Amino acid sequence: MLRMTYSKDVSAQVRLLAHDGRRVLSGQQLSDAARVCDSGPYRPCFTYALARGVEPGAYTVLASTFRPGQAFPLILEAAASPEGGDVSLAQLPEEGAGMRKMVRPGVWRLSDGSAAGCANHGKYERNPMYSLHVPAGGALVWVKMVARPAGGSASVGSSTAGGSRGGVTGGEGSKWPALNVSVFRAPEQVLGHVGEISPGSLKIGKAVSTSCEGVYLGTPHGVVTRPVRLDEGMYLLIGSTFDPWDGRFTLRCYSDRDVVLEPR
């Protein structure tokens, strides 16, 4: 059983997830993690979650508020039946703990064509793009992207983006656009400074690393690539929405060594 006590001024919920005791970094991980139990609807003051037959092992506890940006003290307790043995709680380190972090705000604009959408629209390479320079010896890198809606709703499709490994998920009429962020090896024309990237030359299916295996996912939690060790050299990061969408985003790049990330 999980029991959480907190302020009467906020509504909260607690979940127990089969996520090996690891931090949930994105909406895709939240979708993938099996929900063992939760406390039901968000409520003020006090809530609890109860599950039977939970197997021994490490789990992740996720406490959340109904509204974003609410900070408050809480008391979280865990208990098990006598035959279940002892349980313990430990707070997980912050996202990217122990790694170098670079944050780059960005924007998709319909007016200048940078809100280009996925490869299905034929202009994928016009989306916001960043150069990632990895030093000798390589680096372990992972990337997270979160959209910042300015109001209105985003169209969410259901077909597969050209060159991707999957399709798109998200609620119809959701204000959160379906997102993907991918890391590519820089093409020869970029390395040689001999021209722009030709349309169709970057395909998500051939990315070094991509969020949610190439599926576009609409979620307020954002999307994240798997950690991958990159060899020395230059790479390109592209963040895109499934359909062209006017709005802002935040890109976070984590690495175990100093790398250089700059907009193109």
Protein backbone atom coordinates (compact mmCIF):
# COMPACT_ATOMS: atom_id res chain seq x y z
CA MET A 1 0.00 0.00 0.00
CA LEU A 2 1.11 3.56 -0.78
CA ARG A 3 -0.25 6.43 1.31
CA MET A 4 0.39 10.09 0.61
CA THR A 5 -0.54 13.10 2.76
CA TYR A 6 -0.22 16.69 1.50
CA SER A 7 -1.88 20.12 1.32
CA LYS A 8 -5.63 20.60 1.05
CA ASP A 9 -4.94 23.26 -1.60
CA VAL A 10 -3.77 20.80 -4.26
CA SER A 11 -5.22 17.66 -5.84
CA ALA A 12 -2.76 14.79 -6.24
CA GLN A 13 -2.42 11.16 -7.25
CA VAL A 14 0.13 8.41 -6.60
CA ARG A 15 0.98 5.51 -8.92
CA LEU A 16 3.06 2.36 -8.58
CA LEU A 17 4.80 1.48 -11.85
CA ALA A 18 6.75 -1.59 -12.95
CA HIS A 19 9.73 0.46 -14.15
CA ASP A 20 12.61 -1.21 -12.28
CA GLY A 21 12.94 1.63 -9.81
CA ARG A 22 14.07 4.03 -12.55
CA ARG A 23 12.93 7.61 -13.12
CA VAL A 24 10.19 8.07 -15.74
CA LEU A 25 11.68 10.55 -18.21
CA SER A 26 8.96 10.99 -20.81
CA GLY A 27 5.42 10.25 -21.88
CA GLN A 28 6.58 7.25 -23.89
CA GLN A 29 8.18 5.70 -20.80
CA LEU A 30 5.03 6.42 -18.81
CA SER A 31 3.03 4.62 -21.49
CA ASP A 32 5.44 1.67 -21.58
CA ALA A 33 5.66 1.23 -17.81
CA ALA A 34 3.03 -1.21 -16.53
CA ARG A 35 0.77 0.43 -13.95
CA VAL A 36 0.58 -1.86 -10.94
CA CYS A 37 -1.94 0.35 -9.14
CA ASP A 38 -2.91 3.98 -8.61
CA SER A 39 -4.94 6.06 -6.19
CA GLY A 40 -7.69 6.86 -8.66
CA PRO A 41 -8.99 10.40 -9.30
CA TYR A 42 -6.89 13.35 -8.15
CA ARG A 43 -8.02 14.51 -4.70
CA PRO A 44 -6.91 16.99 -1.98
CA CYS A 45 -5.26 16.28 1.40
CA PHE A 46 -4.82 12.53 1.30
CA THR A 47 -4.78 9.61 -1.10
CA TYR A 48 -3.72 5.97 -1.21
CA ALA A 49 -3.14 3.11 -3.66
CA LEU A 50 -3.53 -0.57 -2.86
CA ALA A 51 -2.36 -3.61 -4.84
CA ARG A 52 -2.43 -7.34 -4.12
CA GLY A 53 0.02 -9.99 -5.24
CA VAL A 54 2.87 -7.60 -6.06
CA GLU A 55 5.98 -9.60 -6.95
CA PRO A 56 9.28 -8.86 -5.15
CA GLY A 57 11.49 -6.35 -6.98
CA ALA A 58 12.14 -2.67 -7.61
CA TYR A 59 9.26 -0.42 -8.64
CA THR A 60 8.82 3.26 -9.38
CA VAL A 61 6.44 5.46 -7.38
CA LEU A 62 5.13 8.49 -9.25
CA ALA A 63 3.42 11.28 -7.31
CA SER A 64 1.76 14.01 -9.38
CA THR A 65 -0.56 17.00 -9.09
CA PHE A 66 -3.56 17.66 -11.28
CA ARG A 67 -2.24 21.10 -12.25
CA PRO A 68 1.36 21.72 -13.33
CA GLY A 69 3.78 23.95 -11.43
CA GLN A 70 2.43 23.24 -7.93
CA ALA A 71 5.08 22.85 -5.23
CA PHE A 72 4.13 21.51 -1.82
CA PRO A 73 5.46 19.30 1.00
CA LEU A 74 4.20 15.75 1.19
CA ILE A 75 4.55 12.62 3.27
CA LEU A 76 4.78 9.36 1.31
CA GLU A 77 4.54 6.02 3.12
CA ALA A 78 4.74 2.43 1.88
CA ALA A 79 3.62 -0.70 3.71
CA ALA A 80 3.14 -4.41 2.99
CA SER A 81 1.38 -7.28 4.65
CA PRO A 82 3.50 -9.29 7.15
CA GLU A 83 4.00 -12.14 4.70
CA GLY A 84 5.18 -9.63 2.06
CA GLY A 85 8.29 -8.64 4.01
CA ASP A 86 9.87 -5.23 4.42
CA VAL A 87 9.53 -2.45 1.86
CA SER A 88 11.62 0.69 1.55
CA LEU A 89 11.40 4.03 -0.24
CA ALA A 90 14.28 6.08 -1.66
CA GLN A 91 14.02 9.31 -3.63
CA LEU A 92 15.42 9.03 -7.15
CA PRO A 93 18.06 11.49 -8.37
CA GLU A 94 16.96 14.34 -10.61
CA GLU A 95 16.72 13.90 -14.38
CA GLY A 96 20.20 13.71 -15.89
CA ALA A 97 21.97 13.56 -12.52
CA GLY A 98 25.73 13.21 -12.93
CA MET A 99 25.65 14.22 -16.59
CA ARG A 100 26.33 17.49 -18.41
CA LYS A 101 23.14 19.29 -19.43
CA MET A 102 22.52 21.72 -22.27
CA VAL A 103 19.16 23.44 -22.72
CA ARG A 104 18.12 25.04 -26.00
CA PRO A 105 14.75 26.76 -26.41
CA GLY A 106 13.31 26.68 -29.91
CA VAL A 107 10.25 27.48 -31.98
CA TRP A 108 8.38 26.07 -34.97
CA ARG A 109 6.94 28.82 -37.19
CA LEU A 110 4.46 28.34 -40.00
CA SER A 111 5.39 31.81 -41.27
CA ASP A 112 9.01 30.89 -42.12
CA GLY A 113 8.48 27.22 -42.94
CA SER A 114 10.30 25.84 -39.91
CA ALA A 115 7.05 24.19 -38.77
CA ALA A 116 7.59 21.53 -41.42
CA GLY A 117 6.04 18.46 -39.80
CA CYS A 118 7.12 14.88 -40.44
CA ALA A 119 8.59 13.40 -43.62
CA ASN A 120 5.08 12.83 -45.01
CA HIS A 121 4.92 16.58 -45.75
CA GLY A 122 8.11 16.51 -47.84
CA LYS A 123 10.00 19.20 -45.92
CA TYR A 124 11.30 17.37 -42.85
CA GLU A 125 14.80 18.90 -43.17
CA ARG A 126 13.35 22.41 -42.70
CA ASN A 127 12.45 21.71 -39.06
CA PRO A 128 14.66 23.30 -36.36
CA MET A 129 18.06 21.61 -36.54
CA TYR A 130 21.08 21.56 -34.22
CA SER A 131 24.70 20.54 -34.78
CA LEU A 132 26.18 18.24 -32.14
CA HIS A 133 29.98 18.03 -32.05
CA VAL A 134 31.34 15.00 -30.18
CA PRO A 135 35.04 15.08 -29.14
CA ALA A 136 37.69 12.39 -29.54
CA GLY A 137 36.86 9.35 -27.45
CA GLY A 138 33.13 9.73 -28.03
CA ALA A 139 30.34 10.49 -25.56
CA LEU A 140 27.19 8.94 -24.13
CA VAL A 141 24.28 11.17 -25.21
CA TRP A 142 20.52 11.28 -24.83
CA VAL A 143 18.06 14.00 -25.78
CA LYS A 144 14.67 15.12 -24.49
CA MET A 145 12.20 17.48 -26.17
CA VAL A 146 9.08 19.03 -24.64
CA ALA A 147 6.53 21.16 -26.54
CA ARG A 148 5.14 24.36 -25.05
CA PRO A 149 1.65 24.98 -26.46
CA ALA A 150 0.61 28.61 -26.68
CA GLY A 151 -3.09 27.73 -26.74
CA GLY A 152 -5.39 26.10 -29.25
CA SER A 153 -5.28 22.47 -30.28
CA ALA A 154 -2.95 20.39 -32.38
CA SER A 155 -4.01 18.02 -35.08
CA VAL A 156 -3.01 14.46 -34.31
CA GLY A 157 -2.75 12.06 -37.23
CA SER A 158 -2.82 8.31 -37.35
CA SER A 159 -0.58 7.33 -40.28
CA THR A 160 3.09 6.45 -40.39
CA ALA A 161 5.64 9.18 -41.07
CA GLY A 162 7.77 8.47 -44.13
CA GLY A 163 11.02 6.77 -43.23
CA SER A 164 10.01 6.23 -39.61
CA ARG A 165 9.68 2.98 -37.73
CA GLY A 166 6.19 3.71 -36.44
CA GLY A 167 3.21 6.03 -36.55
CA VAL A 168 1.74 8.55 -34.19
CA THR A 169 -0.13 8.36 -30.91
CA GLY A 170 -2.08 11.02 -29.06
CA GLY A 171 -5.62 12.01 -28.20
CA GLU A 172 -7.70 13.47 -31.01
CA GLY A 173 -7.81 17.26 -30.63
CA SER A 174 -5.06 17.15 -28.00
CA LYS A 175 -3.32 20.47 -27.39
CA TRP A 176 -0.05 18.55 -27.21
CA PRO A 177 1.40 17.98 -30.67
CA ALA A 178 2.75 14.56 -31.55
CA LEU A 179 6.56 14.85 -31.30
CA ASN A 180 9.73 13.13 -32.38
CA VAL A 181 13.37 14.02 -31.76
CA SER A 182 16.13 12.21 -33.64
CA VAL A 183 19.92 12.16 -33.87
CA PHE A 184 21.58 11.65 -37.28
CA ARG A 185 25.13 11.39 -38.50
CA ALA A 186 25.86 14.58 -40.44
CA PRO A 187 25.65 13.96 -44.22
CA GLU A 188 28.74 14.48 -46.38
CA GLN A 189 27.49 17.77 -47.83
CA VAL A 190 27.25 19.20 -44.31
CA LEU A 191 30.69 17.94 -43.28
CA GLY A 192 32.21 19.33 -46.47
CA HIS A 193 30.28 22.62 -46.38
CA VAL A 194 29.30 22.08 -50.01
CA GLY A 195 25.58 22.68 -49.78
CA GLU A 196 22.32 22.37 -47.94
CA ILE A 197 20.81 19.08 -46.88
CA SER A 198 18.77 17.71 -49.76
CA PRO A 199 15.09 16.92 -49.11
CA GLY A 200 14.51 13.30 -48.15
CA SER A 201 18.15 12.66 -47.20
CA LEU A 202 17.39 12.35 -43.48
CA LYS A 203 15.05 9.50 -42.60
CA ILE A 204 14.02 8.72 -39.03
CA GLY A 205 14.36 5.01 -39.77
CA LYS A 206 18.10 5.56 -40.29
CA ALA A 207 18.68 7.79 -37.25
CA VAL A 208 21.46 6.92 -34.82
CA SER A 209 18.93 7.40 -32.03
CA THR A 210 15.27 8.42 -32.09
CA SER A 211 12.47 8.87 -29.58
CA CYS A 212 9.89 6.12 -29.13
CA GLU A 213 11.42 4.01 -31.94
CA GLY A 214 10.36 6.57 -34.52
CA VAL A 215 6.74 6.93 -33.36
CA TYR A 216 5.38 10.47 -32.95
CA LEU A 217 3.90 10.78 -29.45
CA GLY A 218 1.61 13.55 -28.14
CA THR A 219 2.16 14.07 -24.40
CA PRO A 220 2.85 16.95 -22.00
CA HIS A 221 5.85 15.00 -20.68
CA GLY A 222 7.76 15.22 -23.96
CA VAL A 223 9.76 12.54 -25.77
CA VAL A 224 13.27 11.19 -25.16
CA THR A 225 15.85 9.22 -27.12
CA ARG A 226 17.56 6.18 -25.68
CA PRO A 227 21.09 6.82 -24.39
CA VAL A 228 23.60 6.01 -27.12
CA ARG A 229 27.39 6.20 -27.25
CA LEU A 230 28.38 8.40 -30.18
CA ASP A 231 31.79 8.24 -31.82
CA GLU A 232 33.83 11.37 -32.43
CA GLY A 233 32.33 13.56 -35.14
CA MET A 234 29.42 15.79 -36.08
CA TYR A 235 25.76 14.87 -35.70
CA LEU A 236 22.44 16.59 -36.40
CA LEU A 237 19.50 16.82 -34.00
CA ILE A 238 16.05 17.46 -35.44
CA GLY A 239 12.88 18.02 -33.44
CA SER A 240 9.63 17.74 -35.37
CA THR A 241 5.88 17.50 -34.99
CA PHE A 242 3.77 15.03 -36.97
CA ASP A 243 1.77 17.81 -38.63
CA PRO A 244 3.08 21.39 -39.13
CA TRP A 245 2.45 23.23 -35.86
CA ASP A 246 3.11 26.76 -34.63
CA GLY A 247 4.62 26.63 -31.15
CA ARG A 248 7.63 26.54 -28.89
CA PHE A 249 9.72 23.71 -27.53
CA THR A 250 12.60 23.05 -25.16
CA LEU A 251 15.43 20.73 -26.14
CA ARG A 252 17.60 19.17 -23.41
CA CYS A 253 20.77 17.30 -24.30
CA TYR A 254 22.55 15.20 -21.67
CA SER A 255 26.07 13.80 -22.09
CA ASP A 256 28.77 12.20 -19.97
CA ARG A 257 31.46 14.39 -21.59
CA ASP A 258 31.66 17.94 -22.89
CA VAL A 259 30.00 18.22 -26.31
CA VAL A 260 29.01 21.27 -28.35
CA LEU A 261 25.36 21.81 -29.31
CA GLU A 262 24.50 24.78 -31.53
CA PRO A 263 21.57 25.74 -33.81
CA ARG A 264 22.10 25.54 -37.56
